PDB file of N, CA and C in Angstrom:
ATOM      1  N   MET A   1      -8.471   1.696 -27.346  1.00  0.00           N
ATOM      2  CA  MET A   1      -7.127   1.194 -27.405  1.00  0.00           C
ATOM      3  C   MET A   1      -7.032  -0.025 -28.302  1.00  0.00           C
ATOM      4  N   SER A   2      -8.131  -0.478 -28.867  1.00  0.00           N
ATOM      5  CA  SER A   2      -8.125  -1.671 -29.690  1.00  0.00           C
ATOM      6  C   SER A   2      -7.230  -1.524 -30.908  1.00  0.00           C
ATOM      7  N   GLU A   3      -6.887  -0.298 -31.280  1.00  0.00           N
ATOM      8  CA  GLU A   3      -6.008  -0.111 -32.425  1.00  0.00           C
ATOM      9  C   GLU A   3      -4.553  -0.405 -32.077  1.00  0.00           C
ATOM     10  N   PHE A   4      -4.264  -0.777 -30.847  1.00  0.00           N
ATOM     11  CA  PHE A   4      -2.911  -1.127 -30.412  1.00  0.00           C
ATOM     12  C   PHE A   4      -2.921  -2.563 -29.897  1.00  0.00           C
ATOM     13  N   PRO A   5      -2.876  -3.541 -30.825  1.00  0.00           N
ATOM     14  CA  PRO A   5      -2.960  -4.951 -30.420  1.00  0.00           C
ATOM     15  C   PRO A   5      -1.880  -5.302 -29.396  1.00  0.00           C
ATOM     16  N   GLY A   6      -2.272  -6.026 -28.388  1.00  0.00           N
ATOM     17  CA  GLY A   6      -1.335  -6.490 -27.374  1.00  0.00           C
ATOM     18  C   GLY A   6      -1.083  -5.523 -26.244  1.00  0.00           C
ATOM     19  N   LEU A   7      -1.421  -4.256 -26.426  1.00  0.00           N
ATOM     20  CA  LEU A   7      -1.115  -3.263 -25.391  1.00  0.00           C
ATOM     21  C   LEU A   7      -1.834  -3.585 -24.084  1.00  0.00           C
ATOM     22  N   ILE A   8      -3.103  -3.906 -24.155  1.00  0.00           N
ATOM     23  CA  ILE A   8      -3.870  -4.173 -22.926  1.00  0.00           C
ATOM     24  C   ILE A   8      -3.280  -5.366 -22.179  1.00  0.00           C
ATOM     25  N   ASP A   9      -2.960  -6.437 -22.920  1.00  0.00           N
ATOM     26  CA  ASP A   9      -2.392  -7.628 -22.280  1.00  0.00           C
ATOM     27  C   ASP A   9      -1.034  -7.335 -21.652  1.00  0.00           C
ATOM     28  N   GLU A  10      -0.222  -6.532 -22.329  1.00  0.00           N
ATOM     29  CA  GLU A  10       1.097  -6.190 -21.797  1.00  0.00           C
ATOM     30  C   GLU A  10       0.987  -5.214 -20.621  1.00  0.00           C
ATOM     31  N   GLN A  11      -0.029  -4.370 -20.633  1.00  0.00           N
ATOM     32  CA  GLN A  11      -0.164  -3.352 -19.596  1.00  0.00           C
ATOM     33  C   GLN A  11      -0.712  -3.924 -18.292  1.00  0.00           C
ATOM     34  N   TYR A  12      -1.547  -4.947 -18.369  1.00  0.00           N
ATOM     35  CA  TYR A  12      -2.212  -5.463 -17.162  1.00  0.00           C
ATOM     36  C   TYR A  12      -1.227  -5.798 -16.034  1.00  0.00           C
ATOM     37  N   PRO A  13      -0.155  -6.572 -16.300  1.00  0.00           N
ATOM     38  CA  PRO A  13       0.769  -6.847 -15.178  1.00  0.00           C
ATOM     39  C   PRO A  13       1.456  -5.586 -14.656  1.00  0.00           C
ATOM     40  N   MET A  14       1.647  -4.601 -15.524  1.00  0.00           N
ATOM     41  CA  MET A  14       2.230  -3.335 -15.068  1.00  0.00           C
ATOM     42  C   MET A  14       1.260  -2.606 -14.145  1.00  0.00           C
ATOM     43  N   ASP A  15      -0.026  -2.616 -14.497  1.00  0.00           N
ATOM     44  CA  ASP A  15      -1.038  -1.999 -13.640  1.00  0.00           C
ATOM     45  C   ASP A  15      -1.040  -2.648 -12.263  1.00  0.00           C
ATOM     46  N   MET A  16      -0.934  -3.979 -12.230  1.00  0.00           N
ATOM     47  CA  MET A  16      -0.934  -4.695 -10.955  1.00  0.00           C
ATOM     48  C   MET A  16       0.325  -4.349 -10.147  1.00  0.00           C
ATOM     49  N   ALA A  17       1.466  -4.254 -10.805  1.00  0.00           N
ATOM     50  CA  ALA A  17       2.706  -3.896 -10.113  1.00  0.00           C
ATOM     51  C   ALA A  17       2.625  -2.479  -9.563  1.00  0.00           C
ATOM     52  N   ILE A  18       2.122  -1.550 -10.371  1.00  0.00           N
ATOM     53  CA  ILE A  18       1.965  -0.164  -9.912  1.00  0.00           C
ATOM     54  C   ILE A  18       1.068  -0.133  -8.682  1.00  0.00           C
ATOM     55  N   GLY A  19      -0.029  -0.878  -8.722  1.00  0.00           N
ATOM     56  CA  GLY A  19      -0.940  -0.931  -7.575  1.00  0.00           C
ATOM     57  C   GLY A  19      -0.254  -1.422  -6.314  1.00  0.00           C
ATOM     58  N   GLY A  20       0.542  -2.467  -6.433  1.00  0.00           N
ATOM     59  CA  GLY A  20       1.267  -2.982  -5.278  1.00  0.00           C
ATOM     60  C   GLY A  20       2.209  -1.946  -4.693  1.00  0.00           C
ATOM     61  N   HIS A  21       2.903  -1.235  -5.572  1.00  0.00           N
ATOM     62  CA  HIS A  21       3.824  -0.192  -5.109  1.00  0.00           C
ATOM     63  C   HIS A  21       3.067   0.956  -4.443  1.00  0.00           C
ATOM     64  N   VAL A  22       1.955   1.381  -5.050  1.00  0.00           N
ATOM     65  CA  VAL A  22       1.157   2.480  -4.472  1.00  0.00           C
ATOM     66  C   VAL A  22       0.678   2.100  -3.079  1.00  0.00           C
ATOM     67  N   LEU A  23       0.136   0.900  -2.931  1.00  0.00           N
ATOM     68  CA  LEU A  23      -0.462   0.521  -1.652  1.00  0.00           C
ATOM     69  C   LEU A  23       0.575   0.362  -0.544  1.00  0.00           C
ATOM     70  N   ARG A  24       1.835   0.168  -0.887  1.00  0.00           N
ATOM     71  CA  ARG A  24       2.890   0.146   0.143  1.00  0.00           C
ATOM     72  C   ARG A  24       3.126   1.529   0.728  1.00  0.00           C
ATOM     73  N   HIS A  25       2.672   2.573   0.028  1.00  0.00           N
ATOM     74  CA  HIS A  25       2.843   3.952   0.510  1.00  0.00           C
ATOM     75  C   HIS A  25       1.659   4.426   1.363  1.00  0.00           C
ATOM     76  N   VAL A  26       0.633   3.611   1.481  1.00  0.00           N
ATOM     77  CA  VAL A  26      -0.608   4.007   2.154  1.00  0.00           C
ATOM     78  C   VAL A  26      -0.597   3.495   3.591  1.00  0.00           C
ATOM     79  N   TYR A  27      -1.004   4.356   4.526  1.00  0.00           N
ATOM     80  CA  TYR A  27      -1.127   3.933   5.923  1.00  0.00           C
ATOM     81  C   TYR A  27      -2.261   2.917   6.055  1.00  0.00           C
ATOM     82  N   GLU A  28      -2.139   2.041   7.033  1.00  0.00           N
ATOM     83  CA  GLU A  28      -3.106   0.952   7.211  1.00  0.00           C
ATOM     84  C   GLU A  28      -4.548   1.449   7.373  1.00  0.00           C
ATOM     85  N   HIS A  29      -4.740   2.572   8.052  1.00  0.00           N
ATOM     86  CA  HIS A  29      -6.093   3.058   8.321  1.00  0.00           C
ATOM     87  C   HIS A  29      -6.697   3.826   7.133  1.00  0.00           C
ATOM     88  N   GLU A  30      -5.883   4.160   6.130  1.00  0.00           N
ATOM     89  CA  GLU A  30      -6.397   4.932   4.994  1.00  0.00           C
ATOM     90  C   GLU A  30      -7.271   4.054   4.103  1.00  0.00           C
ATOM     91  N   THR A  31      -8.206   4.697   3.420  1.00  0.00           N
ATOM     92  CA  THR A  31      -9.163   3.943   2.608  1.00  0.00           C
ATOM     93  C   THR A  31      -9.142   4.314   1.125  1.00  0.00           C
ATOM     94  N   SER A  32      -8.317   5.293   0.750  1.00  0.00           N
ATOM     95  CA  SER A  32      -8.243   5.639  -0.665  1.00  0.00           C
ATOM     96  C   SER A  32      -6.884   6.243  -0.999  1.00  0.00           C
ATOM     97  N   ALA A  33      -6.526   6.106  -2.262  1.00  0.00           N
ATOM     98  CA  ALA A  33      -5.282   6.689  -2.768  1.00  0.00           C
ATOM     99  C   ALA A  33      -5.462   6.962  -4.253  1.00  0.00           C
ATOM    100  N   GLU A  34      -4.657   7.887  -4.770  1.00  0.00           N
ATOM    101  CA  GLU A  34      -4.724   8.196  -6.195  1.00  0.00           C
ATOM    102  C   GLU A  34      -3.321   8.478  -6.714  1.00  0.00           C
ATOM    103  N   LEU A  35      -3.013   7.880  -7.857  1.00  0.00           N
ATOM    104  CA  LEU A  35      -1.766   8.148  -8.567  1.00  0.00           C
ATOM    105  C   LEU A  35      -2.129   8.760  -9.905  1.00  0.00           C
ATOM    106  N   SER A  36      -1.621   9.945 -10.148  1.00  0.00           N
ATOM    107  CA  SER A  36      -1.852  10.642 -11.411  1.00  0.00           C
ATOM    108  C   SER A  36      -0.513  10.762 -12.140  1.00  0.00           C
ATOM    109  N   ILE A  37      -0.502  10.355 -13.410  1.00  0.00           N
ATOM    110  CA  ILE A  37       0.701  10.395 -14.237  1.00  0.00           C
ATOM    111  C   ILE A  37       0.399  11.264 -15.448  1.00  0.00           C
ATOM    112  N   THR A  38       1.269  12.222 -15.735  1.00  0.00           N
ATOM    113  CA  THR A  38       1.114  13.080 -16.907  1.00  0.00           C
ATOM    114  C   THR A  38       2.383  12.970 -17.746  1.00  0.00           C
ATOM    115  N   VAL A  39       2.189  12.827 -19.055  1.00  0.00           N
ATOM    116  CA  VAL A  39       3.310  12.759 -19.990  1.00  0.00           C
ATOM    117  C   VAL A  39       3.153  13.909 -20.977  1.00  0.00           C
ATOM    118  N   GLN A  40       4.179  14.745 -21.035  1.00  0.00           N
ATOM    119  CA  GLN A  40       4.135  15.882 -21.951  1.00  0.00           C
ATOM    120  C   GLN A  40       5.556  16.167 -22.424  1.00  0.00           C
ATOM    121  N   ASN A  41       5.733  16.252 -23.736  1.00  0.00           N
ATOM    122  CA  ASN A  41       7.054  16.521 -24.320  1.00  0.00           C
ATOM    123  C   ASN A  41       8.111  15.545 -23.797  1.00  0.00           C
ATOM    124  N   LYS A  42       7.737  14.282 -23.734  1.00  0.00           N
ATOM    125  CA  LYS A  42       8.633  13.204 -23.283  1.00  0.00           C
ATOM    126  C   LYS A  42       9.064  13.343 -21.830  1.00  0.00           C
ATOM    127  N   GLN A  43       8.378  14.178 -21.061  1.00  0.00           N
ATOM    128  CA  GLN A  43       8.651  14.316 -19.637  1.00  0.00           C
ATOM    129  C   GLN A  43       7.490  13.706 -18.861  1.00  0.00           C
ATOM    130  N   ILE A  44       7.825  13.027 -17.783  1.00  0.00           N
ATOM    131  CA  ILE A  44       6.830  12.345 -16.958  1.00  0.00           C
ATOM    132  C   ILE A  44       6.717  13.077 -15.630  1.00  0.00           C
ATOM    133  N   GLN A  45       5.488  13.408 -15.264  1.00  0.00           N
ATOM    134  CA  GLN A  45       5.208  13.959 -13.936  1.00  0.00           C
ATOM    135  C   GLN A  45       4.207  13.036 -13.263  1.00  0.00           C
ATOM    136  N   PHE A  46       4.323  12.903 -11.961  1.00  0.00           N
ATOM    137  CA  PHE A  46       3.371  12.055 -11.244  1.00  0.00           C
ATOM    138  C   PHE A  46       3.109  12.642  -9.872  1.00  0.00           C
ATOM    139  N   ASN A  47       1.947  12.292  -9.349  1.00  0.00           N
ATOM    140  CA  ASN A  47       1.521  12.780  -8.045  1.00  0.00           C
ATOM    141  C   ASN A  47       0.795  11.638  -7.347  1.00  0.00           C
ATOM    142  N   LEU A  48       1.221  11.307  -6.152  1.00  0.00           N
ATOM    143  CA  LEU A  48       0.608  10.244  -5.366  1.00  0.00           C
ATOM    144  C   LEU A  48       0.040  10.851  -4.094  1.00  0.00           C
ATOM    145  N   THR A  49      -1.247  10.667  -3.878  1.00  0.00           N
ATOM    146  CA  THR A  49      -1.907  11.168  -2.672  1.00  0.00           C
ATOM    147  C   THR A  49      -2.733  10.049  -2.049  1.00  0.00           C
ATOM    148  N   SER A  50      -3.038  10.211  -0.771  1.00  0.00           N
ATOM    149  CA  SER A  50      -3.950   9.297  -0.068  1.00  0.00           C
ATOM    150  C   SER A  50      -4.705  10.107   0.975  1.00  0.00           C
ATOM    151  N   ASP A  51      -5.563   9.438   1.720  1.00  0.00           N
ATOM    152  CA  ASP A  51      -6.430  10.137   2.676  1.00  0.00           C
ATOM    153  C   ASP A  51      -5.691  11.151   3.547  1.00  0.00           C
ATOM    154  N   ASP A  52      -4.604  10.722   4.173  1.00  0.00           N
ATOM    155  CA  ASP A  52      -3.890  11.573   5.121  1.00  0.00           C
ATOM    156  C   ASP A  52      -2.601  12.161   4.560  1.00  0.00           C
ATOM    157  N   GLN A  53      -2.249  11.809   3.325  1.00  0.00           N
ATOM    158  CA  GLN A  53      -0.972  12.235   2.768  1.00  0.00           C
ATOM    159  C   GLN A  53      -1.213  13.005   1.464  1.00  0.00           C
ATOM    160  N   LEU A  54      -1.187  14.319   1.569  1.00  0.00           N
ATOM    161  CA  LEU A  54      -1.421  15.148   0.383  1.00  0.00           C
ATOM    162  C   LEU A  54      -0.231  15.112  -0.569  1.00  0.00           C
ATOM    163  N   ILE A  55       0.950  14.862  -0.017  1.00  0.00           N
ATOM    164  CA  ILE A  55       2.150  14.689  -0.827  1.00  0.00           C
ATOM    165  C   ILE A  55       2.812  13.403  -0.356  1.00  0.00           C
ATOM    166  N   ASN A  56       3.096  12.532  -1.305  1.00  0.00           N
ATOM    167  CA  ASN A  56       3.698  11.253  -0.975  1.00  0.00           C
ATOM    168  C   ASN A  56       4.845  11.034  -1.953  1.00  0.00           C
ATOM    169  N   ILE A  57       6.041  10.860  -1.462  1.00  0.00           N
ATOM    170  CA  ILE A  57       7.210  10.686  -2.318  1.00  0.00           C
ATOM    171  C   ILE A  57       7.325   9.204  -2.692  1.00  0.00           C
ATOM    172  N   PRO A  58       7.118   8.872  -3.978  1.00  0.00           N
ATOM    173  CA  PRO A  58       7.220   7.468  -4.397  1.00  0.00           C
ATOM    174  C   PRO A  58       8.654   6.948  -4.272  1.00  0.00           C
ATOM    175  N   ASP A  59       8.776   5.657  -3.981  1.00  0.00           N
ATOM    176  CA  ASP A  59      10.101   5.047  -3.938  1.00  0.00           C
ATOM    177  C   ASP A  59      10.573   4.740  -5.361  1.00  0.00           C
ATOM    178  N   ASP A  60      11.826   4.326  -5.467  1.00  0.00           N
ATOM    179  CA  ASP A  60      12.422   4.061  -6.775  1.00  0.00           C
ATOM    180  C   ASP A  60      11.663   2.986  -7.555  1.00  0.00           C
ATOM    181  N   GLU A  61      11.136   1.994  -6.850  1.00  0.00           N
ATOM    182  CA  GLU A  61      10.420   0.914  -7.528  1.00  0.00           C
ATOM    183  C   GLU A  61       9.148   1.425  -8.204  1.00  0.00           C
ATOM    184  N   LEU A  62       8.427   2.318  -7.538  1.00  0.00           N
ATOM    185  CA  LEU A  62       7.224   2.886  -8.146  1.00  0.00           C
ATOM    186  C   LEU A  62       7.599   3.775  -9.328  1.00  0.00           C
ATOM    187  N   VAL A  63       8.643   4.568  -9.178  1.00  0.00           N
ATOM    188  CA  VAL A  63       9.087   5.423 -10.282  1.00  0.00           C
ATOM    189  C   VAL A  63       9.466   4.554 -11.485  1.00  0.00           C
ATOM    190  N   GLN A  64      10.172   3.457 -11.245  1.00  0.00           N
ATOM    191  CA  GLN A  64      10.558   2.549 -12.326  1.00  0.00           C
ATOM    192  C   GLN A  64       9.325   1.954 -13.004  1.00  0.00           C
ATOM    193  N   ALA A  65       8.328   1.556 -12.219  1.00  0.00           N
ATOM    194  CA  ALA A  65       7.102   0.980 -12.778  1.00  0.00           C
ATOM    195  C   ALA A  65       6.359   2.007 -13.638  1.00  0.00           C
ATOM    196  N   ILE A  66       6.336   3.259 -13.193  1.00  0.00           N
ATOM    197  CA  ILE A  66       5.694   4.330 -13.979  1.00  0.00           C
ATOM    198  C   ILE A  66       6.440   4.507 -15.304  1.00  0.00           C
ATOM    199  N   CYS A  67       7.769   4.516 -15.242  1.00  0.00           N
ATOM    200  CA  CYS A  67       8.569   4.676 -16.471  1.00  0.00           C
ATOM    201  C   CYS A  67       8.342   3.508 -17.426  1.00  0.00           C
ATOM    202  N   GLU A  68       8.211   2.310 -16.900  1.00  0.00           N
ATOM    203  CA  GLU A  68       7.958   1.144 -17.751  1.00  0.00           C
ATOM    204  C   GLU A  68       6.593   1.253 -18.430  1.00  0.00           C
ATOM    205  N   LEU A  69       5.591   1.729 -17.706  1.00  0.00           N
ATOM    206  CA  LEU A  69       4.262   1.924 -18.287  1.00  0.00           C
ATOM    207  C   LEU A  69       4.322   2.930 -19.434  1.00  0.00           C
ATOM    208  N   VAL A  70       4.966   4.059 -19.193  1.00  0.00           N
ATOM    209  CA  VAL A  70       5.087   5.089 -20.229  1.00  0.00           C
ATOM    210  C   VAL A  70       5.883   4.549 -21.415  1.00  0.00           C
ATOM    211  N   GLY A  71       6.942   3.801 -21.138  1.00  0.00           N
ATOM    212  CA  GLY A  71       7.742   3.205 -22.200  1.00  0.00           C
ATOM    213  C   GLY A  71       6.941   2.245 -23.058  1.00  0.00           C
ATOM    214  N   LEU A  72       6.088   1.448 -22.429  1.00  0.00           N
ATOM    215  CA  LEU A  72       5.230   0.526 -23.174  1.00  0.00           C
ATOM    216  C   LEU A  72       4.327   1.294 -24.138  1.00  0.00           C
ATOM    217  N   HIS A  73       3.734   2.372 -23.646  1.00  0.00           N
ATOM    218  CA  HIS A  73       2.854   3.169 -24.508  1.00  0.00           C
ATOM    219  C   HIS A  73       3.643   3.829 -25.634  1.00  0.00           C
ATOM    220  N   GLU A  74       4.874   4.229 -25.352  1.00  0.00           N
ATOM    221  CA  GLU A  74       5.706   4.801 -26.412  1.00  0.00           C
ATOM    222  C   GLU A  74       5.998   3.747 -27.482  1.00  0.00           C
ATOM    223  N   GLN A  75       6.298   2.526 -27.055  1.00  0.00           N
ATOM    224  CA  GLN A  75       6.551   1.429 -27.997  1.00  0.00           C
ATOM    225  C   GLN A  75       5.372   1.219 -28.936  1.00  0.00           C
ATOM    226  N   HIS A  76       4.175   1.313 -28.383  1.00  0.00           N
ATOM    227  CA  HIS A  76       2.958   1.065 -29.162  1.00  0.00           C
ATOM    228  C   HIS A  76       2.452   2.321 -29.869  1.00  0.00           C
ATOM    229  N   GLY A  77       3.070   3.470 -29.584  1.00  0.00           N
ATOM    230  CA  GLY A  77       2.662   4.707 -30.236  1.00  0.00           C
ATOM    231  C   GLY A  77       1.263   5.165 -29.869  1.00  0.00           C
ATOM    232  N   SER A  78       0.864   4.900 -28.637  1.00  0.00           N
ATOM    233  CA  SER A  78      -0.510   5.223 -28.209  1.00  0.00           C
ATOM    234  C   SER A  78      -0.739   6.720 -28.001  1.00  0.00           C
ATOM    235  N   GLY A  79       0.321   7.474 -27.730  1.00  0.00           N
ATOM    236  CA  GLY A  79       0.160   8.892 -27.438  1.00  0.00           C
ATOM    237  C   GLY A  79      -0.346   9.150 -26.028  1.00  0.00           C
ATOM    238  N   LEU A  80      -0.042   8.242 -25.092  1.00  0.00           N
ATOM    239  CA  LEU A  80      -0.490   8.414 -23.705  1.00  0.00           C
ATOM    240  C   LEU A  80      -0.085   9.791 -23.193  1.00  0.00           C
ATOM    241  N   SER A  81      -1.072  10.545 -22.694  1.00  0.00           N
ATOM    242  CA  SER A  81      -0.772  11.856 -22.117  1.00  0.00           C
ATOM    243  C   SER A  81      -1.111  11.910 -20.627  1.00  0.00           C
ATOM    244  N   GLN A  82      -2.008  11.027 -20.176  1.00  0.00           N
ATOM    245  CA  GLN A  82      -2.341  11.006 -18.746  1.00  0.00           C
ATOM    246  C   GLN A  82      -2.905   9.639 -18.367  1.00  0.00           C
ATOM    247  N   ALA A  83      -2.538   9.199 -17.174  1.00  0.00           N
ATOM    248  CA  ALA A  83      -3.105   7.994 -16.582  1.00  0.00           C
ATOM    249  C   ALA A  83      -3.437   8.330 -15.132  1.00  0.00           C
ATOM    250  N   VAL A  84      -4.612   7.933 -14.693  1.00  0.00           N
ATOM    251  CA  VAL A  84      -5.019   8.160 -13.306  1.00  0.00           C
ATOM    252  C   VAL A  84      -5.485   6.823 -12.736  1.00  0.00           C
ATOM    253  N   TYR A  85      -4.865   6.431 -11.638  1.00  0.00           N
ATOM    254  CA  TYR A  85      -5.236   5.209 -10.929  1.00  0.00           C
ATOM    255  C   TYR A  85      -5.865   5.620  -9.605  1.00  0.00           C
ATOM    256  N   GLN A  86      -7.074   5.136  -9.346  1.00  0.00           N
ATOM    257  CA  GLN A  86      -7.751   5.421  -8.075  1.00  0.00           C
ATOM    258  C   GLN A  86      -7.954   4.107  -7.329  1.00  0.00           C
ATOM    259  N   TYR A  87      -7.552   4.094  -6.074  1.00  0.00           N
ATOM    260  CA  TYR A  87      -7.610   2.897  -5.240  1.00  0.00           C
ATOM    261  C   TYR A  87      -8.598   3.134  -4.104  1.00  0.00           C
ATOM    262  N   GLN A  88      -9.406   2.129  -3.820  1.00  0.00           N
ATOM    263  CA  GLN A  88     -10.420   2.230  -2.773  1.00  0.00           C
ATOM    264  C   GLN A  88     -10.384   0.956  -1.935  1.00  0.00           C
ATOM    265  N   LYS A  89     -10.322   1.123  -0.609  1.00  0.00           N
ATOM    266  CA  LYS A  89     -10.337  -0.044   0.277  1.00  0.00           C
ATOM    267  C   LYS A  89     -11.771  -0.534   0.432  1.00  0.00           C
ATOM    268  N   ASN A  90     -11.962  -1.828   0.252  1.00  0.00           N
ATOM    269  CA  ASN A  90     -13.279  -2.454   0.399  1.00  0.00           C
ATOM    270  C   ASN A  90     -13.554  -2.737   1.875  1.00  0.00           C
ATOM    271  N   PRO A  91     -14.826  -2.947   2.242  1.00  0.00           N
ATOM    272  CA  PRO A  91     -15.154  -3.229   3.650  1.00  0.00           C
ATOM    273  C   PRO A  91     -14.400  -4.434   4.221  1.00  0.00           C
ATOM    274  N   ASP A  92     -14.059  -5.410   3.362  1.00  0.00           N
ATOM    275  CA  ASP A  92     -13.341  -6.590   3.859  1.00  0.00           C
ATOM    276  C   ASP A  92     -11.830  -6.358   3.983  1.00  0.00           C
ATOM    277  N   GLY A  93     -11.368  -5.122   3.672  1.00  0.00           N
ATOM    278  CA  GLY A  93      -9.954  -4.786   3.804  1.00  0.00           C
ATOM    279  C   GLY A  93      -9.149  -4.973   2.528  1.00  0.00           C
ATOM    280  N   SER A  94      -9.729  -5.599   1.523  1.00  0.00           N
ATOM    281  CA  SER A  94      -9.033  -5.728   0.244  1.00  0.00           C
ATOM    282  C   SER A  94      -9.136  -4.399  -0.511  1.00  0.00           C
ATOM    283  N   TRP A  95      -8.341  -4.267  -1.540  1.00  0.00           N
ATOM    284  CA  TRP A  95      -8.320  -3.030  -2.313  1.00  0.00           C
ATOM    285  C   TRP A  95      -8.800  -3.282  -3.732  1.00  0.00           C
ATOM    286  N   GLY A  96      -9.540  -2.332  -4.260  1.00  0.00           N
ATOM    287  CA  GLY A  96      -9.940  -2.343  -5.659  1.00  0.00           C
ATOM    288  C   GLY A  96      -9.394  -1.092  -6.314  1.00  0.00           C
ATOM    289  N   PHE A  97      -9.357  -1.087  -7.640  1.00  0.00           N
ATOM    290  CA  PHE A  97      -8.884   0.113  -8.310  1.00  0.00           C
ATOM    291  C   PHE A  97      -9.618   0.325  -9.621  1.00  0.00           C
ATOM    292  N   SER A  98      -9.595   1.560 -10.040  1.00  0.00           N
ATOM    293  CA  SER A  98     -10.084   1.910 -11.373  1.00  0.00           C
ATOM    294  C   SER A  98      -9.003   2.774 -11.996  1.00  0.00           C
ATOM    295  N   SER A  99      -9.005   2.804 -13.305  1.00  0.00           N
ATOM    296  CA  SER A  99      -7.998   3.621 -13.997  1.00  0.00           C
ATOM    297  C   SER A  99      -8.639   4.289 -15.209  1.00  0.00           C
ATOM    298  N   SER A 100      -8.079   5.419 -15.557  1.00  0.00           N
ATOM    299  CA  SER A 100      -8.524   6.120 -16.763  1.00  0.00           C
ATOM    300  C   SER A 100      -7.284   6.641 -17.479  1.00  0.00           C
ATOM    301  N   TYR A 101      -7.406   6.756 -18.796  1.00  0.00           N
ATOM    302  CA  TYR A 101      -6.262   7.137 -19.622  1.00  0.00           C
ATOM    303  C   TYR A 101      -6.703   8.178 -20.628  1.00  0.00           C
ATOM    304  N   GLN A 102      -5.816   9.113 -20.928  1.00  0.00           N
ATOM    305  CA  GLN A 102      -6.046  10.087 -21.984  1.00  0.00           C
ATOM    306  C   GLN A 102      -4.880  10.006 -22.953  1.00  0.00           C
ATOM    307  N   TYR A 103      -5.203  10.262 -24.211  1.00  0.00           N
ATOM    308  CA  TYR A 103      -4.204  10.140 -25.265  1.00  0.00           C
ATOM    309  C   TYR A 103      -4.135  11.442 -26.044  1.00  0.00           C
ATOM    310  N   ALA A 104      -2.922  11.843 -26.404  1.00  0.00           N
ATOM    311  CA  ALA A 104      -2.724  13.093 -27.152  1.00  0.00           C
ATOM    312  C   ALA A 104      -3.503  13.040 -28.458  1.00  0.00           C
ATOM    313  N   GLY A 105      -4.213  14.102 -28.726  1.00  0.00           N
ATOM    314  CA  GLY A 105      -4.962  14.193 -29.971  1.00  0.00           C
ATOM    315  C   GLY A 105      -6.276  13.438 -29.977  1.00  0.00           C
ATOM    316  N   ARG A 106      -6.670  12.926 -28.800  1.00  0.00           N
ATOM    317  CA  ARG A 106      -7.939  12.187 -28.692  1.00  0.00           C
ATOM    318  C   ARG A 106      -8.733  12.733 -27.526  1.00  0.00           C
ATOM    319  N   PRO A 107     -10.056  12.739 -27.655  1.00  0.00           N
ATOM    320  CA  PRO A 107     -10.893  13.261 -26.559  1.00  0.00           C
ATOM    321  C   PRO A 107     -10.867  12.378 -25.333  1.00  0.00           C
TER     322      PRO A 107
END
């Protein structure tokens, strides 16, 4: 992503906001969640799952945060085609996350 100056810095607060929204959808006893976002032909699809919830309907705030993320990538011309956020509860009760991204026309 280094060919898109500023994108990482602009995306970081969006990643944190998305994480906050995702974790509000998770039951207290759950220990993992995943948000998958796919962009194809200017259409956005997303799927939010957690330990006990195979289907989770995101609230408007999460949908807005996803749209802002996709919009940022469109501004930078990154060709974002997929983003996957995985959340894992740590033994101390805090949450960590990892993310991966795929771009159209790139492996």
